[in-house]
Amino acid sequence: MAIVRNFRQHAPQIHDSVFLAENAVVVGEVYIAESASIWYGAVLRGDVGSIRIGARSNIQDNATVHMTGGISDAVVEEDVTVGHNAVIHGATVRKGALIGMGSVILDNAEIGEGAIIAAGAVVPPRMKVPPRVLVRGTSAKVVRELTEREALEGAAGAAIYQELALGHRD
């Protein structure tokens, strides 16, 4: 069973339809909306700020969501795919974005709707990534605008993971 713990006065609020892997960790001021999925080894630690995970979004294996107290909170809007081993640290990820495996998104960065953050990219604090662009590198840079098909990859991944979660939940 997943580790779900209160921290001080904050209790996680998790919709009944959410898939939580048995070794996922959810602590403190965390809000997870309907049909989202939190995968194996993922950690959502809302001890020094809040975390909001939107409907149908997925936080994949070993990803971490946290923040800097008094500086930032973490928001992942709906239909977002957060890849394996990614770190969302006090950032906002807009609807339908795809956060690649092993990437790091730092405090008060904002990832635009439908954007793709390439695997291993490091998005520095306060960077504003426009909607529907590809970002890669360390420090991350916008490389190009996305095609229509590419801009839908985050939401498509979220739909795939929503279906996978049903199988894992059974």
C-alpha atoms as a PDB file:
ATOM      1  CA  MET A   1       0.000   0.000   0.000  1.00  0.00           C
ATOM      2  CA  ALA A   2       1.247   3.497  -0.823  1.00  0.00           C
ATOM      3  CA  ILE A   3       2.637   5.662   1.944  1.00  0.00           C
ATOM      4  CA  VAL A   4       0.149   8.486   2.460  1.00  0.00           C
ATOM      5  CA  ARG A   5       0.949  10.668   5.469  1.00  0.00           C
ATOM      6  CA  ASN A   6      -0.232  13.878   7.002  1.00  0.00           C
ATOM      7  CA  PHE A   7       2.356  16.526   7.742  1.00  0.00           C
ATOM      8  CA  ARG A   8       1.485  18.889  10.553  1.00  0.00           C
ATOM      9  CA  GLN A   9      -2.024  20.184   9.803  1.00  0.00           C
ATOM     10  CA  HIS A  10      -2.044  19.045   6.153  1.00  0.00           C
ATOM     11  CA  ALA A  11      -3.543  15.787   4.934  1.00  0.00           C
ATOM     12  CA  PRO A  12      -3.220  14.661   1.313  1.00  0.00           C
ATOM     13  CA  GLN A  13      -6.460  14.924  -0.666  1.00  0.00           C
ATOM     14  CA  ILE A  14      -6.585  12.154  -3.236  1.00  0.00           C
ATOM     15  CA  HIS A  15      -9.547  11.512  -5.525  1.00  0.00           C
ATOM     16  CA  ASP A  16     -10.947   7.964  -5.276  1.00  0.00           C
ATOM     17  CA  SER A  17     -10.148   7.265  -8.956  1.00  0.00           C
ATOM     18  CA  VAL A  18      -6.393   7.929  -8.568  1.00  0.00           C
ATOM     19  CA  PHE A  19      -3.953   5.059  -9.048  1.00  0.00           C
ATOM     20  CA  LEU A  20      -1.273   5.097  -6.330  1.00  0.00           C
ATOM     21  CA  ALA A  21       1.435   2.454  -6.721  1.00  0.00           C
ATOM     22  CA  GLU A  22       2.107   0.531  -3.544  1.00  0.00           C
ATOM     23  CA  ASN A  23       5.499   2.175  -2.984  1.00  0.00           C
ATOM     24  CA  ALA A  24       4.533   5.720  -3.971  1.00  0.00           C
ATOM     25  CA  VAL A  25       4.916   8.337  -1.222  1.00  0.00           C
ATOM     26  CA  VAL A  26       2.447  11.207  -0.765  1.00  0.00           C
ATOM     27  CA  VAL A  27       3.002  13.501   2.216  1.00  0.00           C
ATOM     28  CA  GLY A  28       1.379  16.720   3.428  1.00  0.00           C
ATOM     29  CA  GLU A  29      -0.376  19.386   1.381  1.00  0.00           C
ATOM     30  CA  VAL A  30      -0.942  17.369  -1.781  1.00  0.00           C
ATOM     31  CA  TYR A  31      -4.062  17.471  -3.957  1.00  0.00           C
ATOM     32  CA  ILE A  32      -4.459  14.806  -6.645  1.00  0.00           C
ATOM     33  CA  ALA A  33      -7.406  15.108  -9.059  1.00  0.00           C
ATOM     34  CA  GLU A  34      -9.482  12.415 -10.714  1.00  0.00           C
ATOM     35  CA  SER A  35      -7.906   9.673 -12.818  1.00  0.00           C
ATOM     36  CA  ALA A  36      -4.347  10.830 -12.159  1.00  0.00           C
ATOM     37  CA  SER A  37      -1.681   8.189 -11.546  1.00  0.00           C
ATOM     38  CA  ILE A  38       1.305   8.187  -9.215  1.00  0.00           C
ATOM     39  CA  TRP A  39       3.693   5.400 -10.172  1.00  0.00           C
ATOM     40  CA  TYR A  40       6.218   3.133  -8.461  1.00  0.00           C
ATOM     41  CA  GLY A  41       8.746   4.938  -6.293  1.00  0.00           C
ATOM     42  CA  ALA A  42       7.341   8.408  -7.023  1.00  0.00           C
ATOM     43  CA  VAL A  43       7.513  10.915  -4.153  1.00  0.00           C
ATOM     44  CA  LEU A  44       5.161  13.885  -3.722  1.00  0.00           C
ATOM     45  CA  ARG A  45       6.324  15.718  -0.608  1.00  0.00           C
ATOM     46  CA  GLY A  46       4.134  18.676   0.324  1.00  0.00           C
ATOM     47  CA  ASP A  47       5.800  19.443   3.644  1.00  0.00           C
ATOM     48  CA  VAL A  48       6.988  23.024   2.995  1.00  0.00           C
ATOM     49  CA  GLY A  49       4.438  24.026   0.351  1.00  0.00           C
ATOM     50  CA  SER A  50       1.597  22.626  -1.738  1.00  0.00           C
ATOM     51  CA  ILE A  51       1.457  20.217  -4.655  1.00  0.00           C
ATOM     52  CA  ARG A  52      -1.455  20.056  -7.074  1.00  0.00           C
ATOM     53  CA  ILE A  53      -1.704  17.248  -9.630  1.00  0.00           C
ATOM     54  CA  GLY A  54      -4.383  17.733 -12.277  1.00  0.00           C
ATOM     55  CA  ALA A  55      -6.873  15.265 -13.684  1.00  0.00           C
ATOM     56  CA  ARG A  56      -5.468  12.444 -15.816  1.00  0.00           C
ATOM     57  CA  SER A  57      -1.851  13.499 -15.260  1.00  0.00           C
ATOM     58  CA  ASN A  58       0.763  10.897 -14.463  1.00  0.00           C
ATOM     59  CA  ILE A  59       3.852  11.088 -12.284  1.00  0.00           C
ATOM     60  CA  GLN A  60       5.935   8.150 -13.444  1.00  0.00           C
ATOM     61  CA  ASP A  61       8.360   5.845 -11.671  1.00  0.00           C
ATOM     62  CA  ASN A  62      10.867   7.456  -9.283  1.00  0.00           C
ATOM     63  CA  ALA A  63       9.817  11.019 -10.158  1.00  0.00           C
ATOM     64  CA  THR A  64       9.928  13.585  -7.354  1.00  0.00           C
ATOM     65  CA  VAL A  65       7.676  16.591  -6.792  1.00  0.00           C
ATOM     66  CA  HIS A  66       8.722  19.053  -4.075  1.00  0.00           C
ATOM     67  CA  MET A  67       9.413  22.795  -3.631  1.00  0.00           C
ATOM     68  CA  THR A  68      11.372  25.394  -1.673  1.00  0.00           C
ATOM     69  CA  GLY A  69       9.482  26.577   1.406  1.00  0.00           C
ATOM     70  CA  GLY A  70       8.323  30.170   1.171  1.00  0.00           C
ATOM     71  CA  ILE A  71       9.569  30.399  -2.425  1.00  0.00           C
ATOM     72  CA  SER A  72       7.449  28.102  -4.557  1.00  0.00           C
ATOM     73  CA  ASP A  73       4.692  25.510  -4.825  1.00  0.00           C
ATOM     74  CA  ALA A  74       4.337  22.751  -7.424  1.00  0.00           C
ATOM     75  CA  VAL A  75       1.465  22.630  -9.907  1.00  0.00           C
ATOM     76  CA  VAL A  76       1.014  19.979 -12.570  1.00  0.00           C
ATOM     77  CA  GLU A  77      -2.121  20.732 -14.556  1.00  0.00           C
ATOM     78  CA  GLU A  78      -4.345  18.178 -16.300  1.00  0.00           C
ATOM     79  CA  ASP A  79      -3.233  15.689 -18.978  1.00  0.00           C
ATOM     80  CA  VAL A  80       0.480  16.099 -18.184  1.00  0.00           C
ATOM     81  CA  THR A  81       3.031  13.318 -18.527  1.00  0.00           C
ATOM     82  CA  VAL A  82       5.983  13.456 -16.109  1.00  0.00           C
ATOM     83  CA  GLY A  83       8.604  10.884 -17.138  1.00  0.00           C
ATOM     84  CA  HIS A  84      10.621   8.471 -15.037  1.00  0.00           C
ATOM     85  CA  ASN A  85      13.137  10.041 -12.617  1.00  0.00           C
ATOM     86  CA  ALA A  86      12.059  13.605 -13.435  1.00  0.00           C
ATOM     87  CA  VAL A  87      12.100  16.285 -10.735  1.00  0.00           C
ATOM     88  CA  ILE A  88       9.463  19.013 -10.563  1.00  0.00           C
ATOM     89  CA  HIS A  89      10.769  21.381  -7.896  1.00  0.00           C
ATOM     90  CA  GLY A  90       8.358  24.203  -7.154  1.00  0.00           C
ATOM     91  CA  ALA A  91       7.396  24.715 -10.795  1.00  0.00           C
ATOM     92  CA  THR A  92       4.179  25.010 -12.786  1.00  0.00           C
ATOM     93  CA  VAL A  93       3.564  22.597 -15.647  1.00  0.00           C
ATOM     94  CA  ARG A  94       0.655  23.596 -17.868  1.00  0.00           C
ATOM     95  CA  LYS A  95      -1.954  21.365 -19.477  1.00  0.00           C
ATOM     96  CA  GLY A  96      -0.795  18.625 -21.836  1.00  0.00           C
ATOM     97  CA  ALA A  97       2.950  19.187 -21.397  1.00  0.00           C
ATOM     98  CA  LEU A  98       5.440  16.332 -21.473  1.00  0.00           C
ATOM     99  CA  ILE A  99       8.334  16.333 -19.003  1.00  0.00           C
ATOM    100  CA  GLY A 100      11.011  13.956 -20.281  1.00  0.00           C
ATOM    101  CA  MET A 101      12.762  11.278 -18.277  1.00  0.00           C
ATOM    102  CA  GLY A 102      15.430  12.519 -15.902  1.00  0.00           C
ATOM    103  CA  SER A 103      14.694  16.178 -16.522  1.00  0.00           C
ATOM    104  CA  VAL A 104      14.744  18.760 -13.720  1.00  0.00           C
ATOM    105  CA  ILE A 105      12.336  21.703 -13.556  1.00  0.00           C
ATOM    106  CA  LEU A 106      13.393  24.221 -10.886  1.00  0.00           C
ATOM    107  CA  ASP A 107      11.608  26.757  -8.655  1.00  0.00           C
ATOM    108  CA  ASN A 108       9.096  29.101 -10.246  1.00  0.00           C
ATOM    109  CA  ALA A 109       9.756  27.855 -13.770  1.00  0.00           C
ATOM    110  CA  GLU A 110       6.633  27.659 -15.891  1.00  0.00           C
ATOM    111  CA  ILE A 111       6.235  25.077 -18.639  1.00  0.00           C
ATOM    112  CA  GLY A 112       3.739  26.173 -21.296  1.00  0.00           C
ATOM    113  CA  GLU A 113       0.735  24.203 -22.449  1.00  0.00           C
ATOM    114  CA  GLY A 114       1.661  21.320 -24.758  1.00  0.00           C
ATOM    115  CA  ALA A 115       5.424  21.962 -24.446  1.00  0.00           C
ATOM    116  CA  ILE A 116       7.947  19.122 -24.436  1.00  0.00           C
ATOM    117  CA  ILE A 117      10.923  19.145 -22.092  1.00  0.00           C
ATOM    118  CA  ALA A 118      13.492  16.717 -23.498  1.00  0.00           C
ATOM    119  CA  ALA A 119      14.923  13.913 -21.403  1.00  0.00           C
ATOM    120  CA  GLY A 120      17.720  15.117 -19.144  1.00  0.00           C
ATOM    121  CA  ALA A 121      17.001  18.830 -19.626  1.00  0.00           C
ATOM    122  CA  VAL A 122      17.492  21.218 -16.710  1.00  0.00           C
ATOM    123  CA  VAL A 123      15.031  24.107 -16.712  1.00  0.00           C
ATOM    124  CA  PRO A 124      16.481  26.870 -14.517  1.00  0.00           C
ATOM    125  CA  PRO A 125      14.517  28.780 -11.866  1.00  0.00           C
ATOM    126  CA  ARG A 126      11.984  31.309 -13.195  1.00  0.00           C
ATOM    127  CA  MET A 127      12.341  30.240 -16.868  1.00  0.00           C
ATOM    128  CA  LYS A 128       9.088  30.744 -18.778  1.00  0.00           C
ATOM    129  CA  VAL A 129       8.761  28.098 -21.486  1.00  0.00           C
ATOM    130  CA  PRO A 130       6.252  29.120 -24.173  1.00  0.00           C
ATOM    131  CA  PRO A 131       3.431  26.763 -25.187  1.00  0.00           C
ATOM    132  CA  ARG A 132       4.098  24.109 -27.833  1.00  0.00           C
ATOM    133  CA  VAL A 133       7.893  24.281 -28.016  1.00  0.00           C
ATOM    134  CA  LEU A 134      10.671  21.736 -27.589  1.00  0.00           C
ATOM    135  CA  VAL A 135      13.169  22.524 -24.841  1.00  0.00           C
ATOM    136  CA  ARG A 136      16.422  20.656 -24.267  1.00  0.00           C
ATOM    137  CA  GLY A 137      19.854  20.999 -22.734  1.00  0.00           C
ATOM    138  CA  THR A 138      21.435  22.078 -19.474  1.00  0.00           C
ATOM    139  CA  SER A 139      20.659  24.937 -19.019  1.00  0.00           C
ATOM    140  CA  ALA A 140      17.546  24.370 -21.077  1.00  0.00           C
ATOM    141  CA  LYS A 141      16.893  26.365 -24.234  1.00  0.00           C
ATOM    142  CA  VAL A 142      13.939  26.496 -26.597  1.00  0.00           C
ATOM    143  CA  VAL A 143      15.031  24.618 -29.712  1.00  0.00           C
ATOM    144  CA  ARG A 144      12.008  24.984 -31.985  1.00  0.00           C
ATOM    145  CA  GLU A 145       8.243  25.110 -32.173  1.00  0.00           C
ATOM    146  CA  LEU A 146       6.450  21.772 -32.098  1.00  0.00           C
ATOM    147  CA  THR A 147       4.403  20.249 -34.883  1.00  0.00           C
ATOM    148  CA  GLU A 148       0.701  19.780 -34.233  1.00  0.00           C
ATOM    149  CA  ARG A 149       1.296  16.069 -33.569  1.00  0.00           C
ATOM    150  CA  GLU A 150       4.201  16.678 -31.199  1.00  0.00           C
ATOM    151  CA  ALA A 151       2.196  19.207 -29.197  1.00  0.00           C
ATOM    152  CA  LEU A 152      -0.312  16.458 -28.377  1.00  0.00           C
ATOM    153  CA  GLU A 153       2.299  13.969 -27.068  1.00  0.00           C
ATOM    154  CA  GLY A 154       1.957  14.969 -23.408  1.00  0.00           C
ATOM    155  CA  ALA A 155      -1.813  14.498 -23.414  1.00  0.00           C
ATOM    156  CA  ALA A 156      -1.485  11.289 -25.465  1.00  0.00           C
ATOM    157  CA  GLY A 157       0.970   9.929 -22.915  1.00  0.00           C
ATOM    158  CA  ALA A 158      -1.417  10.883 -20.129  1.00  0.00           C
ATOM    159  CA  ALA A 159      -4.216   8.919 -21.843  1.00  0.00           C
ATOM    160  CA  ILE A 160      -1.955   5.864 -22.209  1.00  0.00           C
ATOM    161  CA  TYR A 161      -0.960   6.038 -18.548  1.00  0.00           C
ATOM    162  CA  GLN A 162      -4.581   6.477 -17.491  1.00  0.00           C
ATOM    163  CA  GLU A 163      -5.355   3.163 -19.224  1.00  0.00           C
ATOM    164  CA  LEU A 164      -2.238   1.509 -17.741  1.00  0.00           C
ATOM    165  CA  ALA A 165      -3.267   2.665 -14.273  1.00  0.00           C
ATOM    166  CA  LEU A 166      -6.577   0.816 -14.605  1.00  0.00           C
ATOM    167  CA  GLY A 167      -4.683  -2.425 -15.204  1.00  0.00           C
ATOM    168  CA  HIS A 168      -2.307  -1.819 -12.294  1.00  0.00           C
ATOM    169  CA  ARG A 169      -5.179  -0.835 -10.007  1.00  0.00           C
ATOM    170  CA  ASP A 170      -6.961  -4.183 -10.502  1.00  0.00           C
END
